[in-house]
Amino acid sequence: MLAGRSGGRDAMPAGEPVPALDLVLSDGSAFSLEEERGKPVLLTFWASWCPACRAEAPAIQAAHETLQRSGSRAVGLAVDARSIPAARGLGMEFAQGLVSQDDLARFGVELLPTTILVDAEGRVAASFVGEVRPEQLDEVIAPLLAAR
């Protein structure tokens, strides 16, 4: 797994259905992407040792807060167990889960960070490889929330 500031392509093309994802989150709750249908959700694949992941943490937290006001949320998907407790120290106040190499492959994650915004129908609304900027997230989240 590589970490970087920018990537050369989207992890998943817009409009593509997202694969299934089921895990136990850091708050002890079960997470199923299928059960999130009907509302957008932001998935951020990251690691605490990744400089770009740490740099984008405030943007991801702000996006989570925007989504949360509308009953949606962001979910952190850490590639190693040490990253989960580090999330709070980086200001990420949303639940975290540990993903497997198989999960990374199914979501097309080759570079960290990778951020995937899933629409209410379970399709990719947008994906970003490398550090995402707040305005990029705002541009995609606003129409998804307006459509609800």
Protein backbone atom coordinates (compact mmCIF):
# COMPACT_ATOMS: atom_id res chain seq x y z
CA MET A 1 0.00 0.00 0.00
CA LEU A 2 1.37 3.37 -1.01
CA ALA A 3 0.70 6.76 0.54
CA GLY A 4 0.73 9.93 -1.47
CA ARG A 5 -0.55 13.41 -2.06
CA SER A 6 -2.24 12.76 -5.38
CA GLY A 7 -3.26 9.79 -7.44
CA GLY A 8 -3.59 9.19 -11.13
CA ARG A 9 -7.16 7.90 -11.31
CA ASP A 10 -10.40 7.39 -9.46
CA ALA A 11 -10.55 4.32 -7.27
CA MET A 12 -14.01 3.54 -8.64
CA PRO A 13 -15.84 5.22 -11.52
CA ALA A 14 -18.89 7.36 -10.72
CA GLY A 15 -22.15 5.46 -11.14
CA GLU A 16 -20.63 2.07 -10.38
CA PRO A 17 -22.36 0.03 -7.64
CA VAL A 18 -20.21 -0.29 -4.54
CA PRO A 19 -19.28 -3.73 -3.26
CA ALA A 20 -20.63 -5.11 -0.01
CA LEU A 21 -18.81 -4.06 3.14
CA ASP A 22 -19.59 -5.42 6.59
CA LEU A 23 -17.46 -4.75 9.67
CA VAL A 24 -17.47 -3.95 13.35
CA LEU A 25 -16.67 -0.31 14.01
CA SER A 26 -14.55 1.19 16.77
CA ASP A 27 -17.66 2.15 18.73
CA GLY A 28 -18.70 -1.53 18.80
CA SER A 29 -21.53 -1.13 16.31
CA ALA A 30 -21.96 -3.29 13.24
CA PHE A 31 -21.60 -1.49 9.92
CA SER A 32 -23.12 -2.76 6.70
CA LEU A 33 -22.89 -0.61 3.60
CA GLU A 34 -26.10 -2.26 2.39
CA GLU A 35 -27.92 -0.96 5.48
CA GLU A 36 -26.80 2.59 4.65
CA ARG A 37 -28.96 2.55 1.50
CA GLY A 38 -31.28 5.53 1.33
CA LYS A 39 -28.64 8.02 2.46
CA PRO A 40 -25.20 9.02 1.25
CA VAL A 41 -22.13 7.80 3.11
CA LEU A 42 -18.50 8.85 2.87
CA LEU A 43 -15.88 6.08 3.04
CA THR A 44 -12.31 7.13 3.74
CA PHE A 45 -9.56 4.53 3.41
CA TRP A 46 -6.56 5.72 5.40
CA ALA A 47 -3.66 5.00 7.78
CA SER A 48 -2.06 7.03 10.55
CA TRP A 49 1.40 6.62 8.98
CA CYS A 50 0.21 8.29 5.75
CA PRO A 51 1.09 12.04 5.66
CA ALA A 52 -1.67 12.88 3.15
CA CYS A 53 -4.21 10.99 5.26
CA ARG A 54 -3.30 13.06 8.30
CA ALA A 55 -3.39 16.27 6.24
CA GLU A 56 -6.90 15.62 4.92
CA ALA A 57 -8.36 14.60 8.31
CA PRO A 58 -9.93 18.05 8.96
CA ALA A 59 -11.66 18.01 5.55
CA ILE A 60 -13.04 14.52 6.17
CA GLN A 61 -14.24 15.53 9.65
CA ALA A 62 -15.98 18.61 8.22
CA ALA A 63 -17.67 16.45 5.57
CA HIS A 64 -18.79 14.03 8.29
CA GLU A 65 -20.33 16.91 10.24
CA THR A 66 -22.19 18.10 7.13
CA LEU A 67 -23.46 14.59 6.42
CA GLN A 68 -24.37 13.97 10.06
CA ARG A 69 -26.71 17.00 10.11
CA SER A 70 -28.73 15.19 7.44
CA GLY A 71 -28.69 11.76 9.08
CA SER A 72 -25.74 10.45 7.08
CA ARG A 73 -22.12 9.95 8.05
CA ALA A 74 -18.51 9.29 7.22
CA VAL A 75 -16.81 6.02 8.14
CA GLY A 76 -13.05 5.70 8.51
CA LEU A 77 -11.62 2.52 7.03
CA ALA A 78 -8.18 1.97 8.47
CA VAL A 79 -5.70 -0.36 6.82
CA ASP A 80 -4.02 -1.23 10.12
CA ALA A 81 -5.20 -1.57 13.71
CA ARG A 82 -2.82 1.10 15.05
CA SER A 83 -4.60 3.76 13.01
CA ILE A 84 -7.96 3.31 14.72
CA PRO A 85 -6.98 4.80 18.11
CA ALA A 86 -4.97 7.52 16.31
CA ALA A 87 -8.10 8.83 14.56
CA ARG A 88 -9.34 10.86 17.52
CA GLY A 89 -5.95 12.51 17.93
CA LEU A 90 -6.25 13.67 14.32
CA GLY A 91 -9.68 15.16 14.99
CA MET A 92 -11.66 12.41 13.28
CA GLU A 93 -14.65 12.07 15.60
CA PHE A 94 -16.45 9.43 13.55
CA ALA A 95 -16.43 5.64 13.77
CA GLN A 96 -13.52 3.69 12.36
CA GLY A 97 -13.28 0.14 11.07
CA LEU A 98 -10.42 -2.12 10.07
CA VAL A 99 -10.45 -3.25 6.43
CA SER A 100 -8.78 -6.28 4.91
CA GLN A 101 -6.61 -6.54 1.82
CA ASP A 102 -9.62 -8.13 0.09
CA ASP A 103 -11.75 -5.08 0.98
CA LEU A 104 -9.08 -2.77 -0.45
CA ALA A 105 -8.96 -4.77 -3.69
CA ARG A 106 -12.76 -4.82 -4.09
CA PHE A 107 -12.89 -1.03 -3.71
CA GLY A 108 -9.92 -0.47 -6.04
CA VAL A 109 -7.77 1.10 -3.32
CA GLU A 110 -4.11 1.20 -4.36
CA LEU A 111 -3.04 4.52 -2.82
CA LEU A 112 -3.85 6.17 0.48
CA PRO A 113 -5.85 8.13 1.17
CA THR A 114 -8.75 7.05 -0.99
CA THR A 115 -12.15 8.61 -0.40
CA ILE A 116 -15.36 7.25 -1.91
CA LEU A 117 -18.70 9.02 -1.61
CA VAL A 118 -21.59 6.59 -2.00
CA ASP A 119 -25.00 7.91 -3.04
CA ALA A 120 -28.35 6.89 -1.55
CA GLU A 121 -28.76 4.13 -4.16
CA GLY A 122 -25.45 2.48 -3.27
CA ARG A 123 -23.51 3.79 -6.27
CA VAL A 124 -20.27 5.74 -6.39
CA ALA A 125 -21.06 9.46 -6.51
CA ALA A 126 -17.36 10.36 -6.58
CA SER A 127 -14.00 8.96 -5.58
CA PHE A 128 -10.75 10.72 -4.81
CA VAL A 129 -7.30 9.17 -4.73
CA GLY A 130 -4.79 11.15 -2.69
CA GLU A 131 -5.46 14.09 -0.41
CA VAL A 132 -8.95 15.50 -0.97
CA ARG A 133 -9.69 19.19 -0.50
CA PRO A 134 -12.76 20.46 1.40
CA GLU A 135 -14.19 22.17 -1.69
CA GLN A 136 -14.02 18.90 -3.63
CA LEU A 137 -16.11 17.18 -0.98
CA ASP A 138 -18.55 20.09 -0.68
CA GLU A 139 -19.09 20.09 -4.44
CA VAL A 140 -20.20 16.45 -4.38
CA ILE A 141 -21.99 16.30 -1.02
CA ALA A 142 -24.27 19.32 -1.51
CA PRO A 143 -26.24 17.89 -4.46
CA LEU A 144 -26.54 14.49 -2.78
CA LEU A 145 -28.08 16.04 0.31
CA ALA A 146 -30.31 18.34 -1.76
CA ALA A 147 -31.69 15.30 -3.62
CA ARG A 148 -32.91 13.68 -0.40
